Structures are given as C-alpha cells and as structure tokens.
C-alpha cells in the first residue's frame, strides 16, 4: 500500500503517539528485508543443536528468518519495546538459598497478554488512518524480534544475544506490528559492547561458547522452562535457587545503569513473587500451583516441571528443614518430581540415612530415571558421591 511522503509522516507521528500512550518506551520502523544475515545465523544455530528440544525453531526456520515468507504482503515492520527493568539487582536473591529466585520478567502478569492487547489497539489506529492490513506478534510467532529491533535502531544484540538499549539496558520486552503501509525505515543502531564481556562471565553454566552465540542446552532459562525432562546432573549445583529462568547475563550488563524500573502501571513485580520461600513452593499441588500462578507465565511449565525446579533449589539450599517436604515428594505421582526429590534428598540427608531410604525405595520404584537417581546418590567405598 503506497502512501505519500506527507501521509507517511502523519502515520508515523500517530504510531509514535499511540505507542507512548499504550505504555511502550521505544518504537521504530524497519523493512521486511532488513535482516539478510539472519537466515544463515539461525540455520547454524539449529545445525549446531543449540536449540535443544525446541523443535518448533527448526520447523519454522524459513518463516522465522524471513518476514516476507511469514506474510508476503508486509511492507513495513514496526518494532516496539516495553521496559521491565527491576528496582534492584535480582542477583541479590542468590545469597538467600532458602528463597526462590524467579526471573524478573515472570514476576507479574504474562507479558504476552499485556503487550498483545496494546499492540492490537495501535494496529487498529493504523488501519483506521491508513487502511490496508496489519498483523501483531509478541514472541510466540516465528518472528525474529531481536534482529528486527536492531535493524530498526532500538538497540543492538549484545554478546548475550539479547537486545541492549542505550536508554533501557537489557530489560526490554519486544513486540512487532507487520503492516501493508509503506513507512520510512529508521536507521540501524551499532554494536556498542566493545571489549566488555560482563554478561558472558556472569553465566553460571557457561552457556556462551563464544560471544554472540548461545547454546540453549546449557542455559538455565532453557533448563528450567523449556526442558521437559530431568535437569542434567552437570548443571544442578550451578542452578542454585533459580526456580524459573535466570537473569544473570541481563543483570550484569553495564548499560542497565541507564534503565529505569518499570512503572507500577506496567509490569512491576508481585510482592509474593519477589522472594517466595522454597518451603512454600514445595507444598504446591496442581490446583494450588494453578491458583498461585494464575495469569503468570510460570503457569505454562505446569506443576511437575516447576516442582522439579524447586527441588533442585532445595537440594542446593543446605536447609535440613526442607527434608520432610522433599522426602514426601519422593512418593509423588510424577516420575519427574520423584527423581528430583531423590537428588535433593541425597544432598540434604547424611549418607547413611539416604542409603537406608534408597535400599527401601529401590524395590518399589519401576521408573528407570528415578531408580538411577537413587543409585547415583548411594555412597560406596572408593566412589565419589554425585
């Protein structure tokens, strides 16, 4: 849909105005062909297996890397960012192992729902003013928002692969509006990371094989959210008390000094999700889990995966007061939960006490993964206890 220079300018002014009114902090425009390097980079990411079990990335490879394949009618892409910066350094909670660390982005309502409604409002105003058609995307569709945001000039993809802004650091949610209207693209930003590697050094599991490349299989966010099976042994201790996601690489970014905390009207943290007690989280059955995390992105992992994560944190806590709750979960209906509970118990009990429980439990346990957890936790002469 062709628009005159004058009409295009008026439409852009409306977009900027409506974005600000809707609570977005940054807005810019790019073209559908502005990320020519994305297809090869994404293909390499998948070829290296760095996507782990996230099979949908491979399945949508072509559409994800080329916006014009996703929607051939698109002529301009509006990229919007919403600041969700915390009012403190979330890493401070790691020094309190009896508490559960939930990633900053998940401490309030699901940002997908919050942003999508507001993007639809802006999209409706665009159609009312200029006609044509629009499509709205927030993270869940095969759209590479970070490369598009960089191309639009909102910031640059840092060495941790996330978008970094000169005005909001690394704390940004991204969404996009695809439109048939032709808008003047904004100027691309440049990489300002320089020699800094604070984000890379902050990663507890060494998930960055080189700068600008993430191996999701080693990332705590992937391990605690996307991973549906047991958490690999090599990463359990490094997870600490992080029960949903990880903010370390984001929080380490020096550009955060320019970011402001998110306003209460947007996505400030729920008080009960700032530092919940591990003991309380261990008590959640499925109905209680659903009720407590109603409206939260945490709800999407389901109770079993969530309790698996809490049990890893319990095992890392050194808090013998959690032993009773952990032991009860070795009888849980979910093998995933039972296996994590066994590992946690092996960390909380004296060796002899654990071995006695293991000998009693093994004849009744039929799940191979759970049996392996019991056997790995048992001590024997000349062997190192895992």
Protein backbone atom coordinates (compact mmCIF):
# COMPACT_ATOMS: atom_id res chain seq x y z
CA UNK A 1 0.00 0.00 0.00
CA UNK A 2 1.74 3.13 -1.21
CA UNK A 3 1.45 6.29 0.83
CA UNK A 4 2.64 9.79 0.06
CA UNK A 5 5.55 11.27 1.98
CA UNK A 6 3.16 13.57 3.82
CA UNK A 7 0.73 10.79 4.69
CA UNK A 8 3.59 8.52 5.73
CA UNK A 9 4.90 11.20 8.09
CA UNK A 10 1.48 11.71 9.65
CA UNK A 11 1.04 7.96 10.06
CA UNK A 12 4.42 7.68 11.74
CA UNK A 13 3.54 10.52 14.11
CA UNK A 14 0.32 8.69 15.02
CA UNK A 15 2.25 5.45 15.63
CA UNK A 16 4.75 7.18 17.91
CA UNK A 17 1.98 8.93 19.82
CA UNK A 18 -0.15 5.82 20.25
CA UNK A 19 2.84 3.70 21.27
CA UNK A 20 3.68 6.12 24.05
CA UNK A 21 0.05 6.26 25.14
CA UNK A 22 -0.09 2.46 25.26
CA UNK A 23 2.89 2.28 27.60
CA UNK A 24 5.68 1.38 25.20
CA UNK A 25 9.05 3.00 25.80
CA UNK A 26 10.59 2.68 22.35
CA UNK A 27 9.20 2.39 18.83
CA UNK A 28 10.95 2.25 15.45
CA UNK A 29 10.37 1.03 11.90
CA UNK A 30 12.29 -1.31 9.64
CA UNK A 31 11.72 -3.12 6.36
CA UNK A 32 10.99 -6.85 5.86
CA UNK A 33 14.33 -7.37 4.10
CA UNK A 34 16.43 -5.67 6.79
CA UNK A 35 17.88 -8.85 8.36
CA UNK A 36 19.64 -10.63 5.46
CA UNK A 37 22.18 -12.35 7.74
CA UNK A 38 19.51 -13.87 9.95
CA UNK A 39 18.73 -16.98 7.85
CA UNK A 40 22.33 -18.25 7.85
CA UNK A 41 22.83 -17.50 11.54
CA UNK A 42 19.61 -19.22 12.52
CA UNK A 43 20.41 -22.22 10.34
CA UNK A 44 23.81 -22.54 12.03
CA UNK A 45 22.18 -22.30 15.48
CA UNK A 46 19.95 -25.24 14.59
CA UNK A 47 22.70 -27.21 12.82
CA UNK A 48 24.83 -26.98 15.98
CA UNK A 49 21.95 -28.31 18.05
CA UNK A 50 21.97 -25.19 20.21
CA UNK A 51 18.14 -25.07 20.12
CA UNK A 52 17.96 -28.24 22.21
CA UNK A 53 14.46 -29.70 22.30
CA UNK A 54 12.81 -26.57 20.91
CA UNK A 55 11.82 -28.31 17.70
CA UNK A 56 9.48 -25.53 16.62
CA UNK A 57 12.51 -23.37 15.79
CA UNK A 58 13.70 -25.86 13.19
CA UNK A 59 10.17 -26.44 11.91
CA UNK A 60 9.62 -22.72 11.26
CA UNK A 61 13.15 -21.95 10.08
CA UNK A 62 12.29 -20.29 6.77
CA UNK A 63 9.36 -18.25 8.06
CA UNK A 64 11.28 -17.23 11.17
CA UNK A 65 14.29 -15.88 9.29
CA UNK A 66 12.40 -14.10 6.50
CA UNK A 67 9.41 -11.92 7.46
CA UNK A 68 8.26 -11.84 3.84
CA UNK A 69 7.83 -15.61 3.90
CA UNK A 70 5.73 -15.39 7.06
CA UNK A 71 3.49 -12.76 5.43
CA UNK A 72 4.22 -11.84 1.80
CA UNK A 73 2.05 -8.68 1.93
CA UNK A 74 4.13 -6.98 4.62
CA UNK A 75 5.77 -3.71 3.56
CA UNK A 76 6.90 -2.27 6.88
CA UNK A 77 7.60 -3.69 10.34
CA UNK A 78 7.03 -1.59 13.44
CA UNK A 79 9.06 -2.84 16.40
CA UNK A 80 8.08 -1.73 19.90
CA UNK A 81 9.80 -2.22 23.24
CA UNK A 82 8.49 -2.10 26.79
CA UNK A 83 10.84 -1.63 29.72
CA UNK A 84 10.51 -4.18 32.54
CA UNK A 85 13.59 -3.14 34.50
CA UNK A 86 13.56 -4.23 38.17
CA UNK A 87 14.00 -1.81 41.06
CA UNK A 88 17.00 -3.79 42.34
CA UNK A 89 19.66 -6.23 41.18
CA UNK A 90 17.84 -9.59 41.06
CA UNK A 91 21.10 -11.43 41.71
CA UNK A 92 20.95 -10.29 45.34
CA UNK A 93 18.42 -13.08 45.97
CA UNK A 94 21.01 -15.73 45.09
CA UNK A 95 22.61 -15.11 48.50
CA UNK A 96 19.43 -16.36 50.21
CA UNK A 97 19.20 -20.09 49.38
CA UNK A 98 16.00 -20.57 51.37
CA UNK A 99 14.24 -18.28 48.90
CA UNK A 100 13.19 -18.98 45.33
CA UNK A 101 14.54 -16.83 42.51
CA UNK A 102 12.02 -16.28 39.71
CA UNK A 103 13.17 -14.40 36.63
CA UNK A 104 12.17 -10.73 36.71
CA UNK A 105 10.02 -10.98 33.59
CA UNK A 106 7.82 -13.65 35.20
CA UNK A 107 7.03 -11.87 38.45
CA UNK A 108 3.81 -10.34 37.20
CA UNK A 109 1.20 -10.91 34.52
CA UNK A 110 2.20 -12.71 31.35
CA UNK A 111 3.79 -10.04 29.19
CA UNK A 112 2.44 -11.70 26.05
CA UNK A 113 -1.09 -10.86 27.15
CA UNK A 114 -0.23 -7.37 28.33
CA UNK A 115 1.59 -6.38 25.16
CA UNK A 116 -0.62 -8.08 22.61
CA UNK A 117 -3.71 -6.18 23.68
CA UNK A 118 -1.87 -2.87 23.47
CA UNK A 119 -0.33 -3.72 20.11
CA UNK A 120 -3.78 -4.52 18.75
CA UNK A 121 -5.00 -1.09 19.86
CA UNK A 122 -2.16 0.60 17.95
CA UNK A 123 -2.70 -1.64 14.93
CA UNK A 124 -6.37 -0.69 14.89
CA UNK A 125 -5.46 3.01 14.81
CA UNK A 126 -3.08 2.36 11.89
CA UNK A 127 -5.82 0.68 9.86
CA UNK A 128 -8.31 3.43 10.71
CA UNK A 129 -5.88 6.09 9.49
CA UNK A 130 -4.21 4.38 6.52
CA UNK A 131 -6.34 1.36 5.64
CA UNK A 132 -4.59 -1.79 4.47
CA UNK A 133 -3.91 -4.71 6.76
CA UNK A 134 -1.84 -5.44 9.87
CA UNK A 135 -0.64 -8.39 11.91
CA UNK A 136 0.51 -8.29 15.53
CA UNK A 137 3.20 -10.54 17.03
CA UNK A 138 4.59 -10.98 20.54
CA UNK A 139 7.30 -13.62 20.86
CA UNK A 140 5.07 -16.66 20.30
CA UNK A 141 5.02 -16.38 16.47
CA UNK A 142 8.03 -17.24 14.22
CA UNK A 143 9.36 -13.68 14.20
CA UNK A 144 12.98 -12.77 14.99
CA UNK A 145 12.19 -9.69 17.06
CA UNK A 146 15.74 -9.06 18.27
CA UNK A 147 17.41 -8.79 14.84
CA UNK A 148 14.45 -6.73 13.62
CA UNK A 149 14.72 -4.43 16.65
CA UNK A 150 18.42 -3.96 15.93
CA UNK A 151 17.70 -3.19 12.28
CA UNK A 152 15.07 -0.68 13.36
CA UNK A 153 17.54 1.10 15.64
CA UNK A 154 16.06 0.24 19.04
CA UNK A 155 19.41 -1.13 20.16
CA UNK A 156 21.82 -3.90 19.29
CA UNK A 157 22.08 -7.60 20.07
CA UNK A 158 24.68 -7.87 22.79
CA UNK A 159 27.13 -10.67 23.42
CA UNK A 160 24.40 -12.40 25.47
CA UNK A 161 22.27 -12.37 22.26
CA UNK A 162 19.61 -10.15 23.86
CA UNK A 163 18.76 -6.64 22.76
CA UNK A 164 20.64 -3.86 24.54
CA UNK A 165 19.39 -0.28 24.52
CA UNK A 166 21.38 2.85 25.35
CA UNK A 167 18.39 4.10 27.38
CA UNK A 168 16.98 0.89 28.90
CA UNK A 169 19.86 -1.57 29.04
CA UNK A 170 18.89 -5.22 28.65
CA UNK A 171 15.46 -5.04 30.29
CA UNK A 172 13.12 -4.93 27.30
CA UNK A 173 10.11 -6.86 26.05
CA UNK A 174 9.71 -6.75 22.28
CA UNK A 175 6.68 -6.89 20.03
CA UNK A 176 6.01 -6.07 16.40
CA UNK A 177 3.30 -4.88 14.05
CA UNK A 178 3.55 -6.00 10.43
CA UNK A 179 1.72 -3.62 8.11
CA UNK A 180 1.00 -3.21 4.42
CA UNK A 181 1.63 0.52 4.81
CA UNK A 182 4.95 1.79 3.48
CA UNK A 183 6.82 3.68 6.18
CA UNK A 184 10.26 5.23 6.13
CA UNK A 185 12.66 2.86 7.95
CA UNK A 186 14.68 4.16 10.88
CA UNK A 187 18.46 3.98 10.95
CA UNK A 188 20.07 0.79 12.26
CA UNK A 189 21.90 1.00 15.60
CA UNK A 190 25.52 -0.10 16.02
CA UNK A 191 27.08 -2.60 18.41
CA UNK A 192 28.35 -0.78 21.49
CA UNK A 193 29.53 -3.75 23.57
CA UNK A 194 33.20 -3.11 22.81
CA UNK A 195 35.56 -5.32 24.81
CA UNK A 196 33.07 -5.81 27.66
CA UNK A 197 32.22 -9.43 28.48
CA UNK A 198 30.35 -8.93 31.75
CA UNK A 199 27.31 -10.88 30.54
CA UNK A 200 29.41 -13.82 29.37
CA UNK A 201 31.37 -14.04 32.62
CA UNK A 202 28.15 -13.86 34.65
CA UNK A 203 26.64 -17.02 33.16
CA UNK A 204 26.63 -19.78 35.82
CA UNK A 205 26.64 -22.62 33.28
CA UNK A 206 28.94 -21.24 30.55
CA UNK A 207 26.11 -21.19 28.01
CA UNK A 208 28.00 -18.91 25.60
CA UNK A 209 30.60 -20.88 23.62
CA UNK A 210 31.71 -17.59 22.03
CA UNK A 211 30.36 -14.04 22.22
CA UNK A 212 27.03 -13.53 20.42
CA UNK A 213 26.24 -17.27 20.40
CA UNK A 214 24.05 -19.04 22.94
CA UNK A 215 23.90 -22.79 23.48
CA UNK A 216 20.38 -23.03 24.89
CA UNK A 217 21.05 -26.54 26.17
CA UNK A 218 23.33 -25.05 28.85
CA UNK A 219 21.14 -22.04 29.67
CA UNK A 220 19.30 -22.06 32.99
CA UNK A 221 16.28 -20.41 31.40
CA UNK A 222 16.06 -23.28 28.92
CA UNK A 223 16.78 -25.93 31.54
CA UNK A 224 14.09 -24.71 33.95
CA UNK A 225 11.45 -23.69 31.40
CA UNK A 226 11.74 -25.41 28.02
CA UNK A 227 13.40 -28.65 29.12
CA UNK A 228 10.72 -31.24 29.88
CA UNK A 229 12.93 -33.95 31.35
CA UNK A 230 15.27 -34.22 34.32
CA UNK A 231 17.81 -31.44 34.62
CA UNK A 232 21.24 -32.84 33.68
CA UNK A 233 23.46 -33.52 36.69
CA UNK A 234 26.24 -31.24 35.49
CA UNK A 235 24.03 -28.15 35.80
CA UNK A 236 22.13 -28.81 39.02
CA UNK A 237 24.52 -27.25 41.50
CA UNK A 238 25.05 -24.21 39.26
CA UNK A 239 21.31 -23.55 39.17
CA UNK A 240 21.39 -22.61 42.85
CA UNK A 241 17.96 -21.29 43.90
CA UNK A 242 16.83 -20.23 40.41
CA UNK A 243 13.49 -21.99 40.00
CA UNK A 244 12.26 -20.28 36.84
CA UNK A 245 14.63 -18.67 34.38
CA UNK A 246 17.84 -16.77 35.02
CA UNK A 247 18.62 -13.05 34.92
CA UNK A 248 22.37 -13.13 35.47
CA UNK A 249 23.54 -12.18 31.97
CA UNK A 250 20.92 -9.45 31.69
CA UNK A 251 21.59 -8.05 35.15
CA UNK A 252 25.35 -7.90 34.50
CA UNK A 253 25.01 -5.56 31.51
CA UNK A 254 26.63 -2.17 32.29
CA UNK A 255 24.10 -0.40 30.07
CA UNK A 256 21.46 -1.12 32.72
CA UNK A 257 22.70 1.95 34.60
CA UNK A 258 20.59 3.99 32.18
CA UNK A 259 17.45 1.89 32.70
CA UNK A 260 14.59 2.92 34.93
CA UNK A 261 12.50 0.50 36.96
CA UNK A 262 9.23 -0.46 35.25
CA UNK A 263 6.27 1.56 36.44
CA UNK A 264 3.61 0.05 38.68
CA UNK A 265 1.10 0.54 35.86
CA UNK A 266 3.03 -1.84 33.63
CA UNK A 267 4.87 -4.83 34.98
CA UNK A 268 6.17 -4.23 38.48
CA UNK A 269 6.70 -7.45 40.42
CA UNK A 270 4.01 -9.06 42.53
CA UNK A 271 5.11 -8.88 46.16
CA UNK A 272 4.60 -12.62 46.66
CA UNK A 273 6.88 -13.43 43.70
CA UNK A 274 9.82 -11.26 44.69
CA UNK A 275 11.33 -13.80 47.10
CA UNK A 276 8.96 -16.68 47.86
CA UNK A 277 10.08 -19.33 50.33
CA UNK A 278 11.21 -22.65 48.90
CA UNK A 279 9.28 -24.35 51.70
CA UNK A 280 6.03 -22.78 50.49
CA UNK A 281 6.69 -23.65 46.86
CA UNK A 282 7.32 -27.31 47.72
CA UNK A 283 3.81 -27.58 49.14
CA UNK A 284 2.05 -26.69 45.87
CA UNK A 285 -0.10 -29.42 44.39
CA UNK A 286 -1.57 -28.92 40.92
CA UNK A 287 -4.66 -26.86 41.92
CA UNK A 288 -2.61 -24.71 44.29
CA UNK A 289 0.06 -24.19 41.63
CA UNK A 290 -2.52 -23.08 39.08
CA UNK A 291 -4.17 -20.73 41.53
CA UNK A 292 -0.94 -19.17 42.81
CA UNK A 293 0.44 -18.57 39.32
CA UNK A 294 -2.83 -17.57 37.68
CA UNK A 295 -2.05 -15.02 34.96
CA UNK A 296 1.70 -15.61 35.32
CA UNK A 297 3.96 -17.03 32.59
CA UNK A 298 5.21 -19.53 35.19
CA UNK A 299 1.92 -21.38 34.85
CA UNK A 300 2.79 -22.62 31.36
CA UNK A 301 5.50 -25.04 32.58
CA UNK A 302 3.00 -26.97 34.66
CA UNK A 303 3.22 -28.07 38.26
CA UNK A 304 5.54 -31.05 37.73
CA UNK A 305 8.32 -29.18 35.92
CA UNK A 306 8.00 -26.33 38.39
CA UNK A 307 8.33 -28.60 41.43
CA UNK A 308 11.29 -30.30 39.73
CA UNK A 309 12.97 -26.90 39.67
CA UNK A 310 12.09 -26.13 43.28
CA UNK A 311 13.53 -29.47 44.35
CA UNK A 312 16.84 -28.70 42.64
CA UNK A 313 16.93 -25.44 44.58
CA UNK A 314 16.05 -27.30 47.78
CA UNK A 315 18.94 -29.68 47.20
CA UNK A 316 21.25 -26.70 46.78
CA UNK A 317 19.91 -24.89 49.85
CA UNK A 318 21.66 -26.91 52.58
CA UNK A 319 18.48 -26.40 54.63
CA UNK A 320 17.75 -29.58 56.57
CA UNK A 321 14.38 -28.09 57.50
CA UNK A 322 13.19 -28.88 53.96
CA UNK A 323 13.94 -32.60 54.32
CA UNK A 324 10.41 -33.61 55.31
CA UNK A 325 8.75 -31.89 52.36
CA UNK A 326 11.39 -33.23 49.98
CA UNK A 327 11.05 -36.78 51.28
CA UNK A 328 7.28 -36.65 50.81
CA UNK A 329 7.81 -35.77 47.15
CA UNK A 330 9.84 -38.95 46.56
CA UNK A 331 6.38 -40.58 46.56
CA UNK A 332 4.85 -38.12 44.11
CA UNK A 333 2.83 -39.46 41.18
CA UNK A 334 5.17 -37.76 38.70
CA UNK A 335 8.46 -39.57 37.94
CA UNK A 336 9.98 -36.19 37.07
CA UNK A 337 9.20 -34.90 40.56
CA UNK A 338 10.27 -38.13 42.28
CA UNK A 339 13.65 -38.11 40.54
CA UNK A 340 14.39 -34.51 41.50
CA UNK A 341 13.24 -35.20 45.06
CA UNK A 342 15.65 -38.12 45.34
CA UNK A 343 18.54 -35.94 44.20
CA UNK A 344 17.58 -33.18 46.64
CA UNK A 345 17.31 -35.70 49.46
CA UNK A 346 20.77 -37.04 48.64
CA UNK A 347 22.09 -33.52 49.26
CA UNK A 348 20.16 -32.87 52.47
CA UNK A 349 20.49 -36.17 54.35
CA UNK A 350 23.55 -37.77 55.91
CA UNK A 351 24.91 -40.51 53.64
CA UNK A 352 23.84 -43.38 55.86
CA UNK A 353 20.29 -42.11 56.21
CA UNK A 354 19.97 -41.65 52.46
CA UNK A 355 21.35 -45.11 51.75
CA UNK A 356 18.78 -46.69 54.09
CA UNK A 357 15.95 -44.91 52.27
CA UNK A 358 17.38 -45.89 48.90
CA UNK A 359 17.54 -49.57 49.80
CA UNK A 360 13.92 -49.46 50.90
CA UNK A 361 12.73 -47.50 47.88
CA UNK A 362 14.51 -49.25 45.01
CA UNK A 363 12.48 -52.50 45.08
CA UNK A 364 9.26 -50.47 44.69
CA UNK A 365 10.48 -47.95 42.09
CA UNK A 366 9.93 -49.04 38.47
CA UNK A 367 10.83 -45.81 36.63
CA UNK A 368 14.43 -46.14 35.26
CA UNK A 369 15.30 -42.45 35.67
CA UNK A 370 14.17 -42.41 39.29
CA UNK A 371 15.99 -45.67 40.06
CA UNK A 372 19.13 -44.12 38.62
CA UNK A 373 18.77 -41.11 40.94
CA UNK A 374 18.58 -43.42 43.97
CA UNK A 375 21.61 -45.43 42.85
CA UNK A 376 23.69 -42.37 41.98
CA UNK A 377 23.04 -40.92 45.41
CA UNK A 378 24.13 -44.02 47.30
CA UNK A 379 27.61 -43.98 48.74
CA UNK A 380 30.16 -46.77 48.39
CA UNK A 381 33.84 -47.20 49.21
CA UNK A 382 36.14 -45.65 46.66
CA UNK A 383 33.38 -43.83 44.74
CA UNK A 384 32.67 -40.15 44.62
CA UNK A 385 29.11 -39.35 45.56
CA UNK A 386 27.31 -37.39 42.82
